[in-house]
Amino acid sequence: MSEGIQRSCIDCAVTQCDAHGDRPYPGFCPSQALGAEQREAALARYLDDPEDQKLAQVAAEVEAAGYRQWPRVRETVEFARRMGFHKIGIATCVGLIRERPAMDRSVDMDMPLPRIAAKAFVVTWLNPQALIDGTLLFGSFRVGHPGADSTLLVLGSATASCLWFSGVTLVISLFSARFNARILRAINIVCGSVILAYGLRLILQFIRSI
């Protein structure tokens, strides 16, 4: 199984290129695996290819402006902006290994549950749109169903909302590894279709009531 695995800088735990000590480089290190002909060919690409010249120049400019001052993620974003790139892939270097957990979705960031709950509460209930929507929704319940019925209806709606979103979160957390772009697109299409159908129904009801 190990023979088919291709290693790169992201797998390095030695970082000899940064320490400059006496530790041996790992066997897959590109700086040690390149031969003289490969090095000369790489240098020729920098000198002969205009695109590679621009890459080297912009990389040097970003390095000069932010080396050991900016996080490597910011350096990468700045480099992509100056190059005019809109979609990129990230190849890890020794300076980016420390920031890898922020970019690798497979790494557990170990955020405390109370902090997650607090962030979710702020985003969902303390933003202006949620306050306006909630006020209009519960206000319409109160007007349309006076007395004790309105209280039960509001409590039932709030409970159903909590159960729904808790259930959705649980399902996503259990099956997150199986979600891909195709499945997410299908979910968006289904949800959008339901919303459109419900909206059309409300429009028809409004037209009939006129």
N, C-alpha and C. Protein backbone atom coordinates (compact mmCIF):
# COMPACT_ATOMS: atom_id res chain seq x y z
N MET A 1 0.82 -1.20 0.00
CA MET A 1 0.00 0.00 0.00
C MET A 1 0.86 1.25 0.00
N SER A 2 1.98 1.27 0.75
CA SER A 2 2.80 2.47 0.87
C SER A 2 3.49 2.84 -0.43
N GLU A 3 3.67 1.85 -1.34
CA GLU A 3 4.37 2.14 -2.58
C GLU A 3 3.55 3.05 -3.48
N GLY A 4 2.23 3.04 -3.34
CA GLY A 4 1.39 3.87 -4.19
C GLY A 4 1.14 5.26 -3.63
N ILE A 5 1.65 5.56 -2.45
CA ILE A 5 1.42 6.86 -1.83
C ILE A 5 2.47 7.85 -2.31
N GLN A 6 2.02 9.01 -2.75
CA GLN A 6 2.93 10.07 -3.17
C GLN A 6 3.03 11.11 -2.06
N ARG A 7 4.23 11.25 -1.50
CA ARG A 7 4.44 12.18 -0.41
C ARG A 7 4.83 13.55 -0.96
N SER A 8 4.60 14.57 -0.12
CA SER A 8 4.99 15.94 -0.48
C SER A 8 5.36 16.68 0.79
N CYS A 9 5.59 17.99 0.67
CA CYS A 9 6.03 18.79 1.81
C CYS A 9 5.03 18.75 2.97
N ILE A 10 3.75 18.56 2.66
CA ILE A 10 2.74 18.57 3.72
C ILE A 10 2.92 17.39 4.67
N ASP A 11 3.61 16.33 4.21
CA ASP A 11 3.83 15.15 5.05
C ASP A 11 5.13 15.23 5.84
N CYS A 12 5.90 16.31 5.68
CA CYS A 12 7.23 16.40 6.29
C CYS A 12 7.13 16.79 7.76
N ALA A 13 7.79 16.03 8.61
CA ALA A 13 7.89 16.37 10.03
C ALA A 13 9.32 16.73 10.42
N VAL A 14 10.21 16.82 9.42
CA VAL A 14 11.63 17.11 9.68
C VAL A 14 11.92 18.59 9.53
N THR A 15 11.40 19.22 8.47
CA THR A 15 11.60 20.64 8.13
C THR A 15 13.07 21.03 8.21
N GLN A 16 13.91 20.18 7.65
CA GLN A 16 15.34 20.46 7.62
C GLN A 16 15.65 21.71 6.79
N CYS A 17 14.84 21.99 5.78
CA CYS A 17 15.08 23.16 4.93
C CYS A 17 14.93 24.45 5.71
N ASP A 18 14.24 24.42 6.84
CA ASP A 18 14.05 25.61 7.65
C ASP A 18 15.01 25.64 8.84
N ALA A 19 15.39 24.46 9.34
CA ALA A 19 16.24 24.39 10.53
C ALA A 19 17.73 24.48 10.19
N HIS A 20 18.11 23.99 9.01
CA HIS A 20 19.52 24.00 8.58
C HIS A 20 20.43 23.34 9.62
N GLY A 21 19.98 22.21 10.13
CA GLY A 21 20.79 21.48 11.10
C GLY A 21 21.44 20.26 10.47
N ASP A 22 21.64 19.25 11.28
CA ASP A 22 22.31 18.03 10.82
C ASP A 22 21.35 16.88 10.59
N ARG A 23 20.05 17.14 10.69
CA ARG A 23 19.09 16.06 10.50
C ARG A 23 19.00 15.68 9.02
N PRO A 24 18.78 14.41 8.73
CA PRO A 24 18.67 13.99 7.33
C PRO A 24 17.34 14.42 6.73
N TYR A 25 17.36 14.71 5.44
CA TYR A 25 16.13 15.03 4.72
C TYR A 25 15.34 13.73 4.50
N PRO A 26 14.00 13.81 4.47
CA PRO A 26 13.23 12.60 4.15
C PRO A 26 13.48 12.19 2.70
N GLY A 27 13.25 10.93 2.41
CA GLY A 27 13.55 10.41 1.09
C GLY A 27 12.73 11.03 -0.03
N PHE A 28 11.54 11.56 0.30
CA PHE A 28 10.69 12.14 -0.75
C PHE A 28 10.91 13.63 -0.94
N CYS A 29 11.90 14.22 -0.24
CA CYS A 29 12.11 15.67 -0.31
C CYS A 29 12.51 16.08 -1.73
N PRO A 30 11.76 17.02 -2.37
CA PRO A 30 12.09 17.44 -3.73
C PRO A 30 13.46 18.09 -3.83
N SER A 31 13.90 18.79 -2.77
CA SER A 31 15.19 19.47 -2.84
C SER A 31 16.35 18.50 -2.93
N GLN A 32 16.13 17.25 -2.50
CA GLN A 32 17.18 16.25 -2.56
C GLN A 32 17.00 15.28 -3.72
N ALA A 33 15.76 15.15 -4.21
CA ALA A 33 15.49 14.17 -5.26
C ALA A 33 15.82 14.70 -6.65
N LEU A 34 15.92 16.03 -6.82
CA LEU A 34 16.20 16.61 -8.14
C LEU A 34 17.65 16.40 -8.52
N GLY A 35 17.86 15.98 -9.77
CA GLY A 35 19.22 15.85 -10.28
C GLY A 35 19.69 17.13 -10.94
N ALA A 36 20.93 17.13 -11.39
CA ALA A 36 21.50 18.33 -12.00
C ALA A 36 20.75 18.73 -13.26
N GLU A 37 20.35 17.76 -14.09
CA GLU A 37 19.63 18.07 -15.32
C GLU A 37 18.27 18.68 -15.02
N GLN A 38 17.60 18.17 -14.02
CA GLN A 38 16.30 18.71 -13.65
C GLN A 38 16.42 20.13 -13.12
N ARG A 39 17.47 20.40 -12.36
CA ARG A 39 17.69 21.76 -11.85
C ARG A 39 17.96 22.73 -12.99
N GLU A 40 18.77 22.33 -13.96
CA GLU A 40 19.06 23.18 -15.11
C GLU A 40 17.81 23.42 -15.95
N ALA A 41 16.98 22.39 -16.10
CA ALA A 41 15.74 22.55 -16.86
C ALA A 41 14.79 23.51 -16.15
N ALA A 42 14.74 23.42 -14.81
CA ALA A 42 13.87 24.32 -14.05
C ALA A 42 14.35 25.76 -14.18
N LEU A 43 15.68 25.98 -14.12
CA LEU A 43 16.23 27.32 -14.26
C LEU A 43 15.95 27.89 -15.64
N ALA A 44 16.03 27.03 -16.66
CA ALA A 44 15.76 27.49 -18.03
C ALA A 44 14.31 27.95 -18.18
N ARG A 45 13.39 27.28 -17.48
CA ARG A 45 11.99 27.68 -17.54
C ARG A 45 11.80 29.07 -16.96
N TYR A 46 12.51 29.39 -15.89
CA TYR A 46 12.42 30.73 -15.30
C TYR A 46 12.93 31.78 -16.27
N LEU A 47 13.95 31.45 -17.05
CA LEU A 47 14.58 32.43 -17.93
C LEU A 47 13.88 32.55 -19.28
N ASP A 48 13.26 31.47 -19.75
CA ASP A 48 12.73 31.45 -21.11
C ASP A 48 11.22 31.62 -21.19
N ASP A 49 10.49 31.23 -20.16
CA ASP A 49 9.03 31.26 -20.22
C ASP A 49 8.50 32.53 -19.56
N PRO A 50 7.76 33.39 -20.30
CA PRO A 50 7.25 34.65 -19.73
C PRO A 50 6.33 34.44 -18.52
N GLU A 51 5.50 33.39 -18.57
CA GLU A 51 4.59 33.14 -17.46
C GLU A 51 5.36 32.76 -16.20
N ASP A 52 6.39 31.92 -16.37
CA ASP A 52 7.20 31.55 -15.22
C ASP A 52 8.00 32.73 -14.70
N GLN A 53 8.43 33.61 -15.61
CA GLN A 53 9.13 34.82 -15.17
C GLN A 53 8.22 35.67 -14.29
N LYS A 54 6.95 35.82 -14.71
CA LYS A 54 6.01 36.61 -13.93
C LYS A 54 5.75 35.95 -12.58
N LEU A 55 5.60 34.62 -12.58
CA LEU A 55 5.40 33.90 -11.32
C LEU A 55 6.54 34.16 -10.35
N ALA A 56 7.78 34.05 -10.86
CA ALA A 56 8.94 34.23 -9.99
C ALA A 56 9.02 35.68 -9.49
N GLN A 57 8.71 36.63 -10.36
CA GLN A 57 8.81 38.04 -9.97
C GLN A 57 7.76 38.40 -8.92
N VAL A 58 6.51 37.99 -9.15
CA VAL A 58 5.44 38.31 -8.20
C VAL A 58 5.68 37.59 -6.87
N ALA A 59 6.16 36.35 -6.94
CA ALA A 59 6.46 35.62 -5.71
C ALA A 59 7.55 36.33 -4.91
N ALA A 60 8.57 36.85 -5.60
CA ALA A 60 9.64 37.58 -4.91
C ALA A 60 9.11 38.87 -4.29
N GLU A 61 8.20 39.55 -4.99
CA GLU A 61 7.63 40.79 -4.47
C GLU A 61 6.82 40.53 -3.19
N VAL A 62 5.99 39.49 -3.21
CA VAL A 62 5.18 39.16 -2.05
C VAL A 62 6.07 38.72 -0.89
N GLU A 63 7.11 37.94 -1.20
CA GLU A 63 8.03 37.48 -0.16
C GLU A 63 8.74 38.67 0.49
N ALA A 64 9.15 39.64 -0.36
CA ALA A 64 9.85 40.81 0.18
C ALA A 64 8.93 41.66 1.05
N ALA A 65 7.65 41.71 0.69
CA ALA A 65 6.72 42.57 1.43
C ALA A 65 6.24 41.95 2.73
N GLY A 66 6.06 40.61 2.73
CA GLY A 66 5.40 40.02 3.89
C GLY A 66 6.09 38.86 4.55
N TYR A 67 7.34 38.52 4.16
CA TYR A 67 7.99 37.34 4.73
C TYR A 67 8.20 37.51 6.23
N ARG A 68 7.74 36.54 7.00
CA ARG A 68 7.80 36.53 8.46
C ARG A 68 7.04 37.70 9.10
N GLN A 69 6.21 38.36 8.31
CA GLN A 69 5.32 39.39 8.84
C GLN A 69 3.86 38.99 8.64
N TRP A 70 3.56 38.44 7.47
CA TRP A 70 2.21 37.97 7.19
C TRP A 70 2.14 36.46 7.41
N PRO A 71 0.95 35.93 7.75
CA PRO A 71 0.76 34.47 7.70
C PRO A 71 0.90 33.99 6.25
N ARG A 72 1.33 32.75 6.09
CA ARG A 72 1.51 32.24 4.74
C ARG A 72 0.20 32.20 3.96
N VAL A 73 -0.91 32.05 4.66
CA VAL A 73 -2.19 32.08 3.96
C VAL A 73 -2.41 33.44 3.32
N ARG A 74 -2.06 34.52 4.06
CA ARG A 74 -2.21 35.86 3.49
C ARG A 74 -1.25 36.06 2.32
N GLU A 75 -0.03 35.54 2.45
CA GLU A 75 0.92 35.64 1.34
C GLU A 75 0.36 34.96 0.09
N THR A 76 -0.26 33.81 0.29
CA THR A 76 -0.83 33.08 -0.84
C THR A 76 -1.96 33.86 -1.49
N VAL A 77 -2.82 34.44 -0.67
CA VAL A 77 -3.93 35.23 -1.20
C VAL A 77 -3.41 36.46 -1.94
N GLU A 78 -2.41 37.11 -1.38
CA GLU A 78 -1.84 38.29 -2.03
C GLU A 78 -1.17 37.92 -3.35
N PHE A 79 -0.48 36.80 -3.37
CA PHE A 79 0.15 36.33 -4.61
C PHE A 79 -0.90 36.05 -5.68
N ALA A 80 -1.98 35.37 -5.30
CA ALA A 80 -3.05 35.07 -6.26
C ALA A 80 -3.69 36.34 -6.77
N ARG A 81 -3.87 37.34 -5.89
CA ARG A 81 -4.48 38.60 -6.32
C ARG A 81 -3.61 39.33 -7.32
N ARG A 82 -2.30 39.39 -7.06
CA ARG A 82 -1.39 40.10 -7.96
C ARG A 82 -1.23 39.37 -9.30
N MET A 83 -1.39 38.06 -9.27
CA MET A 83 -1.30 37.29 -10.50
C MET A 83 -2.62 37.30 -11.28
N GLY A 84 -3.70 37.71 -10.62
CA GLY A 84 -5.00 37.71 -11.29
C GLY A 84 -5.68 36.36 -11.27
N PHE A 85 -5.28 35.49 -10.34
CA PHE A 85 -5.88 34.16 -10.24
C PHE A 85 -7.19 34.25 -9.46
N HIS A 86 -8.14 33.40 -9.83
CA HIS A 86 -9.43 33.34 -9.13
C HIS A 86 -9.67 31.99 -8.49
N LYS A 87 -8.95 30.97 -8.91
CA LYS A 87 -9.10 29.63 -8.34
C LYS A 87 -7.72 28.99 -8.28
N ILE A 88 -7.31 28.54 -7.09
CA ILE A 88 -5.97 28.01 -6.92
C ILE A 88 -6.01 26.76 -6.07
N GLY A 89 -4.94 25.98 -6.14
CA GLY A 89 -4.71 24.85 -5.24
C GLY A 89 -3.52 25.19 -4.36
N ILE A 90 -3.48 24.65 -3.16
CA ILE A 90 -2.44 25.00 -2.20
C ILE A 90 -1.44 23.84 -2.08
N ALA A 91 -0.15 24.11 -2.31
CA ALA A 91 0.92 23.15 -2.06
C ALA A 91 1.66 23.60 -0.81
N THR A 92 1.75 22.75 0.18
CA THR A 92 2.29 23.14 1.47
C THR A 92 3.81 23.29 1.44
N CYS A 93 4.32 24.31 2.13
CA CYS A 93 5.75 24.48 2.36
C CYS A 93 5.98 24.47 3.87
N VAL A 94 7.23 24.61 4.27
CA VAL A 94 7.54 24.53 5.70
C VAL A 94 6.85 25.65 6.49
N GLY A 95 6.70 26.82 5.87
CA GLY A 95 6.07 27.93 6.58
C GLY A 95 4.57 27.81 6.68
N LEU A 96 3.98 26.91 5.87
CA LEU A 96 2.54 26.77 5.87
C LEU A 96 2.06 25.60 6.72
N ILE A 97 2.99 24.74 7.13
CA ILE A 97 2.61 23.56 7.90
C ILE A 97 1.91 23.96 9.20
N ARG A 98 2.38 25.05 9.83
CA ARG A 98 1.77 25.48 11.10
C ARG A 98 0.36 25.98 10.91
N GLU A 99 0.03 26.41 9.69
CA GLU A 99 -1.30 26.92 9.41
C GLU A 99 -2.18 25.88 8.74
N ARG A 100 -1.69 24.68 8.59
CA ARG A 100 -2.42 23.64 7.89
C ARG A 100 -3.78 23.34 8.52
N PRO A 101 -3.91 23.28 9.87
CA PRO A 101 -5.23 22.96 10.42
C PRO A 101 -6.32 23.93 10.00
N ALA A 102 -5.96 25.19 9.72
CA ALA A 102 -6.97 26.17 9.32
C ALA A 102 -7.42 25.96 7.89
N MET A 103 -6.67 25.16 7.12
CA MET A 103 -6.99 24.96 5.71
C MET A 103 -7.43 23.54 5.41
N ASP A 104 -7.12 22.61 6.28
CA ASP A 104 -7.42 21.21 6.05
C ASP A 104 -8.71 20.86 6.77
N ARG A 105 -9.77 20.57 6.03
CA ARG A 105 -11.07 20.29 6.64
C ARG A 105 -11.08 18.99 7.41
N SER A 106 -10.12 18.13 7.16
CA SER A 106 -10.10 16.85 7.84
C SER A 106 -9.52 16.96 9.25
N VAL A 107 -8.95 18.10 9.60
CA VAL A 107 -8.34 18.29 10.91
C VAL A 107 -9.38 18.84 11.88
N ASP A 108 -9.47 18.24 13.04
CA ASP A 108 -10.41 18.68 14.06
C ASP A 108 -9.87 19.94 14.73
N MET A 109 -10.58 21.04 14.58
CA MET A 109 -10.12 22.31 15.15
C MET A 109 -10.37 22.37 16.66
N ASP A 110 -11.13 21.40 17.20
CA ASP A 110 -11.33 21.28 18.64
C ASP A 110 -11.91 22.56 19.24
N MET A 111 -12.95 23.09 18.59
CA MET A 111 -13.63 24.27 19.12
C MET A 111 -14.62 23.82 20.18
N PRO A 112 -14.61 24.43 21.36
CA PRO A 112 -15.53 24.02 22.43
C PRO A 112 -16.98 24.16 22.00
N LEU A 113 -17.82 23.22 22.46
CA LEU A 113 -19.23 23.23 22.10
C LEU A 113 -19.94 24.51 22.53
N PRO A 114 -19.70 25.04 23.75
CA PRO A 114 -20.37 26.30 24.12
C PRO A 114 -20.04 27.45 23.17
N ARG A 115 -18.79 27.49 22.67
CA ARG A 115 -18.41 28.55 21.74
C ARG A 115 -19.13 28.38 20.41
N ILE A 116 -19.26 27.13 19.94
CA ILE A 116 -20.00 26.87 18.71
C ILE A 116 -21.46 27.29 18.87
N ALA A 117 -22.06 26.92 20.02
CA ALA A 117 -23.45 27.28 20.25
C ALA A 117 -23.63 28.79 20.32
N ALA A 118 -22.68 29.49 20.96
CA ALA A 118 -22.77 30.95 21.06
C ALA A 118 -22.68 31.60 19.68
N LYS A 119 -21.76 31.12 18.84
CA LYS A 119 -21.63 31.66 17.49
C LYS A 119 -22.89 31.42 16.68
N ALA A 120 -23.45 30.20 16.79
CA ALA A 120 -24.66 29.89 16.05
C ALA A 120 -25.83 30.77 16.51
N PHE A 121 -25.92 30.99 17.82
CA PHE A 121 -26.99 31.84 18.35
C PHE A 121 -26.88 33.27 17.85
N VAL A 122 -25.66 33.80 17.85
CA VAL A 122 -25.45 35.18 17.39
C VAL A 122 -25.81 35.32 15.92
N VAL A 123 -25.37 34.35 15.11
CA VAL A 123 -25.63 34.43 13.66
C VAL A 123 -27.11 34.30 13.35
N THR A 124 -27.80 33.40 14.06
CA THR A 124 -29.19 33.12 13.70
C THR A 124 -30.20 34.05 14.34
N TRP A 125 -29.94 34.50 15.58
CA TRP A 125 -30.97 35.25 16.30
C TRP A 125 -30.63 36.71 16.56
N LEU A 126 -29.40 37.11 16.44
CA LEU A 126 -29.04 38.49 16.76
C LEU A 126 -28.75 39.33 15.52
N ASN A 127 -28.98 38.77 14.33
CA ASN A 127 -28.83 39.61 13.14
C ASN A 127 -30.16 40.28 12.82
N PRO A 128 -30.14 41.47 12.23
CA PRO A 128 -31.37 42.26 12.03
C PRO A 128 -32.46 41.52 11.25
N GLN A 129 -32.07 40.79 10.21
CA GLN A 129 -33.08 40.11 9.40
C GLN A 129 -33.83 39.06 10.22
N ALA A 130 -33.10 38.33 11.06
CA ALA A 130 -33.76 37.32 11.89
C ALA A 130 -34.72 37.97 12.87
N LEU A 131 -34.33 39.10 13.44
CA LEU A 131 -35.22 39.80 14.38
C LEU A 131 -36.49 40.28 13.69
N ILE A 132 -36.32 40.84 12.48
CA ILE A 132 -37.50 41.33 11.74
C ILE A 132 -38.40 40.17 11.35
N ASP A 133 -37.79 39.10 10.78
CA ASP A 133 -38.59 37.95 10.36
C ASP A 133 -39.30 37.31 11.55
N GLY A 134 -38.57 37.15 12.66
CA GLY A 134 -39.18 36.54 13.83
C GLY A 134 -40.33 37.36 14.39
N THR A 135 -40.13 38.69 14.41
CA THR A 135 -41.19 39.57 14.92
C THR A 135 -42.43 39.49 14.05
N LEU A 136 -42.25 39.54 12.73
CA LEU A 136 -43.40 39.47 11.83
C LEU A 136 -44.09 38.11 11.91
N LEU A 137 -43.29 37.04 11.97
CA LEU A 137 -43.87 35.70 12.01
C LEU A 137 -44.67 35.48 13.28
N PHE A 138 -44.05 35.73 14.44
CA PHE A 138 -44.75 35.49 15.69
C PHE A 138 -45.86 36.51 15.92
N GLY A 139 -45.66 37.73 15.41
CA GLY A 139 -46.73 38.72 15.51
C GLY A 139 -47.95 38.31 14.72
N SER A 140 -47.74 37.76 13.53
CA SER A 140 -48.88 37.29 12.73
C SER A 140 -49.58 36.11 13.40
N PHE A 141 -48.80 35.24 14.08
CA PHE A 141 -49.42 34.15 14.84
C PHE A 141 -50.34 34.71 15.93
N ARG A 142 -49.84 35.72 16.64
CA ARG A 142 -50.60 36.29 17.74
C ARG A 142 -51.90 36.93 17.24
N VAL A 143 -51.81 37.65 16.10
CA VAL A 143 -53.00 38.32 15.57
C VAL A 143 -54.00 37.31 15.02
N GLY A 144 -53.47 36.31 14.31
CA GLY A 144 -54.37 35.34 13.67
C GLY A 144 -54.96 34.32 14.62
N HIS A 145 -54.31 34.10 15.76
CA HIS A 145 -54.79 33.11 16.72
C HIS A 145 -54.74 33.72 18.12
N PRO A 146 -55.70 34.54 18.47
CA PRO A 146 -55.69 35.21 19.78
C PRO A 146 -55.87 34.22 20.92
N GLY A 147 -55.45 34.65 22.10
CA GLY A 147 -55.65 33.84 23.29
C GLY A 147 -54.57 32.79 23.47
N ALA A 148 -54.96 31.71 24.16
CA ALA A 148 -54.00 30.67 24.50
C ALA A 148 -53.49 29.93 23.28
N ASP A 149 -54.30 29.88 22.21
CA ASP A 149 -53.88 29.16 21.00
C ASP A 149 -52.62 29.77 20.41
N SER A 150 -52.48 31.09 20.45
CA SER A 150 -51.32 31.74 19.86
C SER A 150 -50.04 31.36 20.62
N THR A 151 -50.14 31.27 21.94
CA THR A 151 -48.97 30.89 22.73
C THR A 151 -48.51 29.48 22.39
N LEU A 152 -49.46 28.55 22.31
CA LEU A 152 -49.11 27.18 21.95
C LEU A 152 -48.53 27.10 20.54
N LEU A 153 -49.08 27.90 19.63
CA LEU A 153 -48.60 27.88 18.25
C LEU A 153 -47.17 28.40 18.16
N VAL A 154 -46.88 29.49 18.89
CA VAL A 154 -45.53 30.04 18.89
C VAL A 154 -44.54 29.06 19.50
N LEU A 155 -44.90 28.46 20.64
CA LEU A 155 -44.02 27.49 21.29
C LEU A 155 -43.80 26.27 20.40
N GLY A 156 -44.86 25.83 19.76
CA GLY A 156 -44.73 24.69 18.86
C GLY A 156 -43.83 24.98 17.68
N SER A 157 -43.97 26.18 17.11
CA SER A 157 -43.13 26.57 15.97
C SER A 157 -41.67 26.66 16.38
N ALA A 158 -41.40 27.27 17.55
CA ALA A 158 -40.03 27.38 18.02
C ALA A 158 -39.43 26.01 18.31
N THR A 159 -40.22 25.12 18.92
CA THR A 159 -39.72 23.77 19.21
C THR A 159 -39.43 23.00 17.93
N ALA A 160 -40.35 23.11 16.97
CA ALA A 160 -40.15 22.42 15.69
C ALA A 160 -38.92 22.94 14.98
N SER A 161 -38.69 24.24 15.06
CA SER A 161 -37.51 24.83 14.42
C SER A 161 -36.23 24.29 15.06
N CYS A 162 -36.20 24.23 16.39
CA CYS A 162 -35.01 23.70 17.08
C CYS A 162 -34.77 22.24 16.71
N LEU A 163 -35.82 21.44 16.70
CA LEU A 163 -35.69 20.03 16.36
C LEU A 163 -35.24 19.85 14.92
N TRP A 164 -35.77 20.65 14.03
CA TRP A 164 -35.42 20.54 12.61
C TRP A 164 -33.93 20.83 12.39
N PHE A 165 -33.47 21.97 12.87
CA PHE A 165 -32.09 22.35 12.63
C PHE A 165 -31.11 21.46 13.40
N SER A 166 -31.53 20.99 14.58
CA SER A 166 -30.67 20.04 15.30
C SER A 166 -30.56 18.74 14.53
N GLY A 167 -31.67 18.29 13.97
CA GLY A 167 -31.65 17.06 13.18
C GLY A 167 -30.82 17.20 11.92
N VAL A 168 -30.95 18.34 11.22
CA VAL A 168 -30.15 18.57 10.02
C VAL A 168 -28.66 18.58 10.36
N THR A 169 -28.32 19.26 11.46
CA THR A 169 -26.91 19.31 11.88
C THR A 169 -26.38 17.92 12.20
N LEU A 170 -27.20 17.11 12.88
CA LEU A 170 -26.78 15.75 13.24
C LEU A 170 -26.54 14.90 11.99
N VAL A 171 -27.46 14.99 11.03
CA VAL A 171 -27.32 14.20 9.80
C VAL A 171 -26.08 14.62 9.02
N ILE A 172 -25.86 15.93 8.91
CA ILE A 172 -24.70 16.42 8.18
C ILE A 172 -23.40 16.00 8.86
N SER A 173 -23.36 16.08 10.19
CA SER A 173 -22.14 15.70 10.90
C SER A 173 -21.85 14.20 10.76
N LEU A 174 -22.89 13.38 10.68
CA LEU A 174 -22.69 11.94 10.55
C LEU A 174 -22.27 11.53 9.15
N PHE A 175 -22.79 12.24 8.14
CA PHE A 175 -22.54 11.84 6.76
C PHE A 175 -21.78 12.90 5.97
N SER A 176 -21.04 13.78 6.66
CA SER A 176 -20.34 14.87 5.97
C SER A 176 -19.31 14.35 4.97
N ALA A 177 -18.70 13.20 5.27
CA ALA A 177 -17.68 12.67 4.36
C ALA A 177 -18.26 12.25 3.02
N ARG A 178 -19.55 12.00 2.97
CA ARG A 178 -20.18 11.54 1.73
C ARG A 178 -20.74 12.67 0.90
N PHE A 179 -20.76 13.87 1.44
CA PHE A 179 -21.28 15.00 0.68
C PHE A 179 -20.23 15.48 -0.32
N ASN A 180 -20.65 15.68 -1.54
CA ASN A 180 -19.78 16.25 -2.56
C ASN A 180 -20.56 17.32 -3.31
N ALA A 181 -19.91 17.92 -4.32
CA ALA A 181 -20.55 19.03 -5.05
C ALA A 181 -21.85 18.59 -5.73
N ARG A 182 -21.87 17.36 -6.23
CA ARG A 182 -23.07 16.87 -6.92
C ARG A 182 -24.24 16.72 -5.96
N ILE A 183 -23.99 16.16 -4.79
CA ILE A 183 -25.05 15.97 -3.81
C ILE A 183 -25.55 17.32 -3.29
N LEU A 184 -24.62 18.23 -3.01
CA LEU A 184 -25.03 19.56 -2.53
C LEU A 184 -25.86 20.30 -3.58
N ARG A 185 -25.49 20.15 -4.83
CA ARG A 185 -26.27 20.79 -5.91
C ARG A 185 -27.67 20.21 -5.97
N ALA A 186 -27.79 18.89 -5.82
CA ALA A 186 -29.11 18.26 -5.83
C ALA A 186 -29.95 18.75 -4.65
N ILE A 187 -29.33 18.87 -3.48
CA ILE A 187 -30.05 19.37 -2.31
C ILE A 187 -30.53 20.80 -2.54
N ASN A 188 -29.67 21.63 -3.12
CA ASN A 188 -30.06 23.02 -3.40
C ASN A 188 -31.21 23.08 -4.39
N ILE A 189 -31.19 22.20 -5.40
CA ILE A 189 -32.27 22.19 -6.39
C ILE A 189 -33.59 21.78 -5.74
N VAL A 190 -33.55 20.75 -4.90
CA VAL A 190 -34.77 20.29 -4.23
C VAL A 190 -35.32 21.39 -3.31
N CYS A 191 -34.43 21.98 -2.50
CA CYS A 191 -34.88 23.05 -1.59
C CYS A 191 -35.43 24.24 -2.35
N GLY A 192 -34.72 24.62 -3.42
CA GLY A 192 -35.20 25.75 -4.22
C GLY A 192 -36.54 25.46 -4.87
N SER A 193 -36.74 24.22 -5.33
CA SER A 193 -38.02 23.86 -5.95
C SER A 193 -39.16 23.92 -4.94
N VAL A 194 -38.90 23.45 -3.71
CA VAL A 194 -39.93 23.51 -2.67
C VAL A 194 -40.30 24.95 -2.35
N ILE A 195 -39.28 25.81 -2.23
CA ILE A 195 -39.54 27.22 -1.93
C ILE A 195 -40.33 27.88 -3.06
N LEU A 196 -39.94 27.59 -4.31
CA LEU A 196 -40.66 28.17 -5.45
C LEU A 196 -42.11 27.68 -5.48
N ALA A 197 -42.30 26.39 -5.24
CA ALA A 197 -43.66 25.84 -5.25
C ALA A 197 -44.51 26.49 -4.15
N TYR A 198 -43.93 26.64 -2.97
CA TYR A 198 -44.66 27.26 -1.87
C TYR A 198 -44.98 28.73 -2.19
N GLY A 199 -44.01 29.43 -2.79
CA GLY A 199 -44.25 30.82 -3.16
C GLY A 199 -45.34 30.96 -4.20
N LEU A 200 -45.33 30.08 -5.21
CA LEU A 200 -46.38 30.11 -6.24
C LEU A 200 -47.75 29.83 -5.64
N ARG A 201 -47.77 28.91 -4.68
CA ARG A 201 -49.05 28.61 -4.02
C ARG A 201 -49.57 29.82 -3.28
N LEU A 202 -48.70 30.54 -2.58
CA LEU A 202 -49.14 31.73 -1.87
C LEU A 202 -49.64 32.80 -2.84
N ILE A 203 -48.95 32.93 -3.98
CA ILE A 203 -49.39 33.91 -4.98
C ILE A 203 -50.76 33.57 -5.52
N LEU A 204 -51.00 32.29 -5.81
CA LEU A 204 -52.31 31.86 -6.31
C LEU A 204 -53.40 32.11 -5.26
N GLN A 205 -53.08 31.82 -3.99
CA GLN A 205 -54.07 32.08 -2.93
C GLN A 205 -54.38 33.55 -2.82
N PHE A 206 -53.36 34.39 -2.99
CA PHE A 206 -53.58 35.83 -2.93
C PHE A 206 -54.45 36.31 -4.08
N ILE A 207 -54.19 35.77 -5.29
CA ILE A 207 -54.96 36.18 -6.46
C ILE A 207 -56.43 35.76 -6.31
N ARG A 208 -56.65 34.57 -5.77
CA ARG A 208 -58.02 34.09 -5.60
C ARG A 208 -58.78 34.88 -4.55
N SER A 209 -58.03 35.42 -3.58
CA SER A 209 -58.70 36.17 -2.50
C SER A 209 -59.08 37.58 -2.92
N ILE A 210 -58.54 38.05 -4.05
CA ILE A 210 -58.86 39.41 -4.49
C ILE A 210 -60.28 39.47 -5.07
